[in-house]
Amino acid sequence: MRALRCPTCRVLVLQTAEDFPFCSNRCRVIDLGKWASGGYVISTKINDPEMLESLADEQSQDDGDSSSHKQ
């Protein structure tokens, strides 16, 4: 039988448990609250070409501003 630790409180939970992989509904709700409040994030590469272009434009503008201050 497989078992994991509850991601919230680290108690050992069997795969047959009703709230698996959590030990209880309380821990499940706590975990959901962390996702909803931004406590957890999934970071990924930016694949949107328009967003990449705008970030590149902003960076080149910032580089231009900082180079004028170096003189």
PDB file of N, CA and C in Angstrom:
ATOM      1  N   MET A   1       0.844  -1.178   0.000  1.00  0.00           N
ATOM      2  CA  MET A   1       0.000   0.000   0.000  1.00  0.00           C
ATOM      3  C   MET A   1       0.897   1.252   0.000  1.00  0.00           C
ATOM      4  N   ARG A   2       0.552   2.212  -0.798  1.00  0.00           N
ATOM      5  CA  ARG A   2       1.343   3.425  -0.955  1.00  0.00           C
ATOM      6  C   ARG A   2       0.936   4.480   0.080  1.00  0.00           C
ATOM      7  N   ALA A   3       1.912   5.239   0.549  1.00  0.00           N
ATOM      8  CA  ALA A   3       1.652   6.308   1.508  1.00  0.00           C
ATOM      9  C   ALA A   3       2.531   7.505   1.175  1.00  0.00           C
ATOM     10  N   LEU A   4       2.019   8.682   1.442  1.00  0.00           N
ATOM     11  CA  LEU A   4       2.749   9.940   1.270  1.00  0.00           C
ATOM     12  C   LEU A   4       2.552  10.787   2.511  1.00  0.00           C
ATOM     13  N   ARG A   5       3.323  11.838   2.607  1.00  0.00           N
ATOM     14  CA  ARG A   5       3.127  12.798   3.696  1.00  0.00           C
ATOM     15  C   ARG A   5       2.177  13.904   3.221  1.00  0.00           C
ATOM     16  N   CYS A   6       1.288  14.305   4.091  1.00  0.00           N
ATOM     17  CA  CYS A   6       0.361  15.393   3.790  1.00  0.00           C
ATOM     18  C   CYS A   6       1.187  16.645   3.482  1.00  0.00           C
ATOM     19  N   PRO A   7       0.928  17.311   2.347  1.00  0.00           N
ATOM     20  CA  PRO A   7       1.723  18.484   1.990  1.00  0.00           C
ATOM     21  C   PRO A   7       1.564  19.660   2.969  1.00  0.00           C
ATOM     22  N   THR A   8       0.495  19.647   3.752  1.00  0.00           N
ATOM     23  CA  THR A   8       0.252  20.750   4.678  1.00  0.00           C
ATOM     24  C   THR A   8       0.875  20.513   6.046  1.00  0.00           C
ATOM     25  N   CYS A   9       0.595  19.352   6.649  1.00  0.00           N
ATOM     26  CA  CYS A   9       1.049  19.119   8.036  1.00  0.00           C
ATOM     27  C   CYS A   9       2.087  18.008   8.158  1.00  0.00           C
ATOM     28  N   ARG A  10       2.396  17.333   7.060  1.00  0.00           N
ATOM     29  CA  ARG A  10       3.436  16.297   6.984  1.00  0.00           C
ATOM     30  C   ARG A  10       3.076  14.987   7.704  1.00  0.00           C
ATOM     31  N   VAL A  11       1.813  14.748   8.042  1.00  0.00           N
ATOM     32  CA  VAL A  11       1.369  13.491   8.635  1.00  0.00           C
ATOM     33  C   VAL A  11       1.361  12.430   7.539  1.00  0.00           C
ATOM     34  N   LEU A  12       1.695  11.202   7.872  1.00  0.00           N
ATOM     35  CA  LEU A  12       1.690  10.105   6.916  1.00  0.00           C
ATOM     36  C   LEU A  12       0.248   9.766   6.528  1.00  0.00           C
ATOM     37  N   VAL A  13      -0.023   9.685   5.207  1.00  0.00           N
ATOM     38  CA  VAL A  13      -1.380   9.434   4.709  1.00  0.00           C
ATOM     39  C   VAL A  13      -1.339   8.242   3.747  1.00  0.00           C
ATOM     40  N   LEU A  14      -2.211   7.269   3.969  1.00  0.00           N
ATOM     41  CA  LEU A  14      -2.301   6.109   3.081  1.00  0.00           C
ATOM     42  C   LEU A  14      -3.069   6.482   1.812  1.00  0.00           C
ATOM     43  N   GLN A  15      -2.734   5.811   0.724  1.00  0.00           N
ATOM     44  CA  GLN A  15      -3.364   6.101  -0.565  1.00  0.00           C
ATOM     45  C   GLN A  15      -4.868   5.831  -0.524  1.00  0.00           C
ATOM     46  N   THR A  16      -5.303   4.978   0.353  1.00  0.00           N
ATOM     47  CA  THR A  16      -6.725   4.644   0.459  1.00  0.00           C
ATOM     48  C   THR A  16      -7.522   5.684   1.259  1.00  0.00           C
ATOM     49  N   ALA A  17      -6.851   6.661   1.857  1.00  0.00           N
ATOM     50  CA  ALA A  17      -7.543   7.678   2.664  1.00  0.00           C
ATOM     51  C   ALA A  17      -8.463   8.518   1.791  1.00  0.00           C
ATOM     52  N   GLU A  18      -9.577   8.929   2.357  1.00  0.00           N
ATOM     53  CA  GLU A  18     -10.592   9.694   1.621  1.00  0.00           C
ATOM     54  C   GLU A  18     -10.044  11.009   1.052  1.00  0.00           C
ATOM     55  N   ASP A  19      -9.192  11.691   1.796  1.00  0.00           N
ATOM     56  CA  ASP A  19      -8.676  13.000   1.374  1.00  0.00           C
ATOM     57  C   ASP A  19      -7.271  12.930   0.771  1.00  0.00           C
ATOM     58  N   PHE A  20      -6.810  11.734   0.411  1.00  0.00           N
ATOM     59  CA  PHE A  20      -5.466  11.564  -0.144  1.00  0.00           C
ATOM     60  C   PHE A  20      -5.225  12.561  -1.280  1.00  0.00           C
ATOM     61  N   PRO A  21      -4.100  13.254  -1.325  1.00  0.00           N
ATOM     62  CA  PRO A  21      -2.884  13.091  -0.554  1.00  0.00           C
ATOM     63  C   PRO A  21      -2.870  13.896   0.747  1.00  0.00           C
ATOM     64  N   PHE A  22      -3.990  14.490   1.100  1.00  0.00           N
ATOM     65  CA  PHE A  22      -4.079  15.248   2.354  1.00  0.00           C
ATOM     66  C   PHE A  22      -4.595  14.338   3.453  1.00  0.00           C
ATOM     67  N   CYS A  23      -4.290  14.690   4.700  1.00  0.00           N
ATOM     68  CA  CYS A  23      -4.747  13.864   5.816  1.00  0.00           C
ATOM     69  C   CYS A  23      -6.183  14.188   6.207  1.00  0.00           C
ATOM     70  N   SER A  24      -6.659  15.384   5.831  1.00  0.00           N
ATOM     71  CA  SER A  24      -8.014  15.795   6.204  1.00  0.00           C
ATOM     72  C   SER A  24      -8.511  16.879   5.257  1.00  0.00           C
ATOM     73  N   ASN A  25      -9.791  17.131   5.332  1.00  0.00           N
ATOM     74  CA  ASN A  25     -10.360  18.211   4.520  1.00  0.00           C
ATOM     75  C   ASN A  25      -9.781  19.560   4.949  1.00  0.00           C
ATOM     76  N   ARG A  26      -9.484  19.707   6.233  1.00  0.00           N
ATOM     77  CA  ARG A  26      -8.890  20.951   6.747  1.00  0.00           C
ATOM     78  C   ARG A  26      -7.571  21.250   6.033  1.00  0.00           C
ATOM     79  N   CYS A  27      -6.693  20.258   5.916  1.00  0.00           N
ATOM     80  CA  CYS A  27      -5.409  20.460   5.242  1.00  0.00           C
ATOM     81  C   CYS A  27      -5.618  20.733   3.753  1.00  0.00           C
ATOM     82  N   ARG A  28      -6.622  20.091   3.152  1.00  0.00           N
ATOM     83  CA  ARG A  28      -6.942  20.336   1.747  1.00  0.00           C
ATOM     84  C   ARG A  28      -7.349  21.801   1.534  1.00  0.00           C
ATOM     85  N   VAL A  29      -8.187  22.326   2.428  1.00  0.00           N
ATOM     86  CA  VAL A  29      -8.661  23.707   2.323  1.00  0.00           C
ATOM     87  C   VAL A  29      -7.516  24.698   2.579  1.00  0.00           C
ATOM     88  N   ILE A  30      -6.640  24.391   3.520  1.00  0.00           N
ATOM     89  CA  ILE A  30      -5.471  25.248   3.783  1.00  0.00           C
ATOM     90  C   ILE A  30      -4.612  25.340   2.527  1.00  0.00           C
ATOM     91  N   ASP A  31      -4.381  24.197   1.865  1.00  0.00           N
ATOM     92  CA  ASP A  31      -3.585  24.171   0.645  1.00  0.00           C
ATOM     93  C   ASP A  31      -4.267  24.977  -0.466  1.00  0.00           C
ATOM     94  N   LEU A  32      -5.565  24.820  -0.610  1.00  0.00           N
ATOM     95  CA  LEU A  32      -6.319  25.579  -1.610  1.00  0.00           C
ATOM     96  C   LEU A  32      -6.205  27.078  -1.340  1.00  0.00           C
ATOM     97  N   GLY A  33      -6.276  27.460  -0.077  1.00  0.00           N
ATOM     98  CA  GLY A  33      -6.137  28.870   0.287  1.00  0.00           C
ATOM     99  C   GLY A  33      -4.778  29.437  -0.092  1.00  0.00           C
ATOM    100  N   LYS A  34      -3.730  28.629   0.048  1.00  0.00           N
ATOM    101  CA  LYS A  34      -2.388  29.088  -0.348  1.00  0.00           C
ATOM    102  C   LYS A  34      -2.323  29.328  -1.848  1.00  0.00           C
ATOM    103  N   TRP A  35      -2.948  28.444  -2.639  1.00  0.00           N
ATOM    104  CA  TRP A  35      -2.978  28.648  -4.092  1.00  0.00           C
ATOM    105  C   TRP A  35      -3.772  29.911  -4.422  1.00  0.00           C
ATOM    106  N   ALA A  36      -4.939  30.075  -3.781  1.00  0.00           N
ATOM    107  CA  ALA A  36      -5.817  31.203  -4.085  1.00  0.00           C
ATOM    108  C   ALA A  36      -5.205  32.543  -3.700  1.00  0.00           C
ATOM    109  N   SER A  37      -4.401  32.564  -2.648  1.00  0.00           N
ATOM    110  CA  SER A  37      -3.815  33.825  -2.183  1.00  0.00           C
ATOM    111  C   SER A  37      -2.478  34.141  -2.854  1.00  0.00           C
ATOM    112  N   GLY A  38      -2.020  33.247  -3.730  1.00  0.00           N
ATOM    113  CA  GLY A  38      -0.743  33.484  -4.408  1.00  0.00           C
ATOM    114  C   GLY A  38       0.450  32.972  -3.625  1.00  0.00           C
ATOM    115  N   GLY A  39       0.202  32.189  -2.589  1.00  0.00           N
ATOM    116  CA  GLY A  39       1.294  31.622  -1.810  1.00  0.00           C
ATOM    117  C   GLY A  39       2.119  30.624  -2.598  1.00  0.00           C
ATOM    118  N   TYR A  40       1.461  29.969  -3.542  1.00  0.00           N
ATOM    119  CA  TYR A  40       2.142  29.051  -4.460  1.00  0.00           C
ATOM    120  C   TYR A  40       2.054  29.652  -5.859  1.00  0.00           C
ATOM    121  N   VAL A  41       3.093  29.509  -6.630  1.00  0.00           N
ATOM    122  CA  VAL A  41       3.066  29.943  -8.029  1.00  0.00           C
ATOM    123  C   VAL A  41       3.774  28.902  -8.887  1.00  0.00           C
ATOM    124  N   ILE A  42       3.376  28.842 -10.132  1.00  0.00           N
ATOM    125  CA  ILE A  42       4.047  27.989 -11.101  1.00  0.00           C
ATOM    126  C   ILE A  42       4.758  28.919 -12.067  1.00  0.00           C
ATOM    127  N   SER A  43       6.062  28.867 -12.065  1.00  0.00           N
ATOM    128  CA  SER A  43       6.809  29.745 -12.961  1.00  0.00           C
ATOM    129  C   SER A  43       7.120  28.998 -14.253  1.00  0.00           C
ATOM    130  N   THR A  44       6.884  29.671 -15.354  1.00  0.00           N
ATOM    131  CA  THR A  44       7.151  29.092 -16.669  1.00  0.00           C
ATOM    132  C   THR A  44       7.780  30.146 -17.557  1.00  0.00           C
ATOM    133  N   LYS A  45       8.349  29.703 -18.644  1.00  0.00           N
ATOM    134  CA  LYS A  45       8.880  30.630 -19.624  1.00  0.00           C
ATOM    135  C   LYS A  45       7.727  31.393 -20.264  1.00  0.00           C
ATOM    136  N   ILE A  46       7.986  32.611 -20.685  1.00  0.00           N
ATOM    137  CA  ILE A  46       6.990  33.399 -21.390  1.00  0.00           C
ATOM    138  C   ILE A  46       7.046  33.000 -22.857  1.00  0.00           C
ATOM    139  N   ASN A  47       5.944  32.457 -23.349  1.00  0.00           N
ATOM    140  CA  ASN A  47       5.904  32.002 -24.734  1.00  0.00           C
ATOM    141  C   ASN A  47       5.091  32.922 -25.637  1.00  0.00           C
ATOM    142  N   ASP A  48       4.451  33.932 -25.081  1.00  0.00           N
ATOM    143  CA  ASP A  48       3.648  34.854 -25.866  1.00  0.00           C
ATOM    144  C   ASP A  48       4.574  35.827 -26.591  1.00  0.00           C
ATOM    145  N   PRO A  49       4.627  35.796 -27.934  1.00  0.00           N
ATOM    146  CA  PRO A  49       5.548  36.651 -28.691  1.00  0.00           C
ATOM    147  C   PRO A  49       5.341  38.140 -28.427  1.00  0.00           C
ATOM    148  N   GLU A  50       4.084  38.576 -28.278  1.00  0.00           N
ATOM    149  CA  GLU A  50       3.822  39.996 -28.015  1.00  0.00           C
ATOM    150  C   GLU A  50       4.393  40.413 -26.659  1.00  0.00           C
ATOM    151  N   MET A  51       4.242  39.548 -25.645  1.00  0.00           N
ATOM    152  CA  MET A  51       4.759  39.881 -24.321  1.00  0.00           C
ATOM    153  C   MET A  51       6.283  39.914 -24.345  1.00  0.00           C
ATOM    154  N   LEU A  52       6.898  38.952 -25.046  1.00  0.00           N
ATOM    155  CA  LEU A  52       8.354  38.939 -25.155  1.00  0.00           C
ATOM    156  C   LEU A  52       8.857  40.210 -25.833  1.00  0.00           C
ATOM    157  N   GLU A  53       8.153  40.634 -26.875  1.00  0.00           N
ATOM    158  CA  GLU A  53       8.546  41.847 -27.595  1.00  0.00           C
ATOM    159  C   GLU A  53       8.436  43.080 -26.706  1.00  0.00           C
ATOM    160  N   SER A  54       7.344  43.186 -25.950  1.00  0.00           N
ATOM    161  CA  SER A  54       7.175  44.356 -25.085  1.00  0.00           C
ATOM    162  C   SER A  54       8.218  44.358 -23.963  1.00  0.00           C
ATOM    163  N   LEU A  55       8.565  43.179 -23.436  1.00  0.00           N
ATOM    164  CA  LEU A  55       9.604  43.115 -22.406  1.00  0.00           C
ATOM    165  C   LEU A  55      10.960  43.528 -22.973  1.00  0.00           C
ATOM    166  N   ALA A  56      11.237  43.112 -24.206  1.00  0.00           N
ATOM    167  CA  ALA A  56      12.497  43.482 -24.853  1.00  0.00           C
ATOM    168  C   ALA A  56      12.547  44.992 -25.080  1.00  0.00           C
ATOM    169  N   ASP A  57      11.409  45.578 -25.491  1.00  0.00           N
ATOM    170  CA  ASP A  57      11.348  47.034 -25.694  1.00  0.00           C
ATOM    171  C   ASP A  57      11.590  47.773 -24.381  1.00  0.00           C
ATOM    172  N   GLU A  58      10.957  47.316 -23.309  1.00  0.00           N
ATOM    173  CA  GLU A  58      11.141  47.950 -21.999  1.00  0.00           C
ATOM    174  C   GLU A  58      12.590  47.853 -21.546  1.00  0.00           C
ATOM    175  N   GLN A  59      13.193  46.694 -21.760  1.00  0.00           N
ATOM    176  CA  GLN A  59      14.577  46.506 -21.339  1.00  0.00           C
ATOM    177  C   GLN A  59      15.510  47.411 -22.140  1.00  0.00           C
ATOM    178  N   SER A  60      15.273  47.546 -23.449  1.00  0.00           N
ATOM    179  CA  SER A  60      16.140  48.402 -24.260  1.00  0.00           C
ATOM    180  C   SER A  60      15.968  49.868 -23.874  1.00  0.00           C
ATOM    181  N   GLN A  61      14.754  50.256 -23.488  1.00  0.00           N
ATOM    182  CA  GLN A  61      14.528  51.631 -23.021  1.00  0.00           C
ATOM    183  C   GLN A  61      15.255  51.861 -21.699  1.00  0.00           C
ATOM    184  N   ASP A  62      15.183  50.875 -20.804  1.00  0.00           N
ATOM    185  CA  ASP A  62      15.886  50.985 -19.518  1.00  0.00           C
ATOM    186  C   ASP A  62      17.390  51.060 -19.728  1.00  0.00           C
ATOM    187  N   ASP A  63      17.905  50.260 -20.654  1.00  0.00           N
ATOM    188  CA  ASP A  63      19.338  50.275 -20.953  1.00  0.00           C
ATOM    189  C   ASP A  63      19.762  51.629 -21.522  1.00  0.00           C
ATOM    190  N   GLY A  64      18.920  52.214 -22.337  1.00  0.00           N
ATOM    191  CA  GLY A  64      19.201  53.513 -22.912  1.00  0.00           C
ATOM    192  C   GLY A  64      19.231  54.598 -21.847  1.00  0.00           C
ATOM    193  N   ASP A  65      18.306  54.508 -20.893  1.00  0.00           N
ATOM    194  CA  ASP A  65      18.262  55.493 -19.806  1.00  0.00           C
ATOM    195  C   ASP A  65      19.487  55.370 -18.912  1.00  0.00           C
ATOM    196  N   SER A  66      19.885  54.148 -18.602  1.00  0.00           N
ATOM    197  CA  SER A  66      21.011  53.963 -17.687  1.00  0.00           C
ATOM    198  C   SER A  66      22.336  54.320 -18.355  1.00  0.00           C
ATOM    199  N   SER A  67      22.434  54.147 -19.661  1.00  0.00           N
ATOM    200  CA  SER A  67      23.697  54.477 -20.328  1.00  0.00           C
ATOM    201  C   SER A  67      23.907  55.978 -20.379  1.00  0.00           C
ATOM    202  N   SER A  68      22.821  56.758 -20.434  1.00  0.00           N
ATOM    203  CA  SER A  68      22.978  58.211 -20.455  1.00  0.00           C
ATOM    204  C   SER A  68      23.420  58.740 -19.096  1.00  0.00           C
ATOM    205  N   HIS A  69      23.157  57.979 -18.035  1.00  0.00           N
ATOM    206  CA  HIS A  69      23.556  58.411 -16.696  1.00  0.00           C
ATOM    207  C   HIS A  69      25.014  58.065 -16.385  1.00  0.00           C
ATOM    208  N   LYS A  70      25.589  57.179 -17.176  1.00  0.00           N
ATOM    209  CA  LYS A  70      26.963  56.749 -16.912  1.00  0.00           C
ATOM    210  C   LYS A  70      27.981  57.796 -17.319  1.00  0.00           C
ATOM    211  N   GLN A  71      27.621  58.704 -18.188  1.00  0.00           N
ATOM    212  CA  GLN A  71      28.609  59.654 -18.710  1.00  0.00           C
ATOM    213  C   GLN A  71      29.045  60.656 -17.706  1.00  0.00           C
TER     214      GLN A  71
END
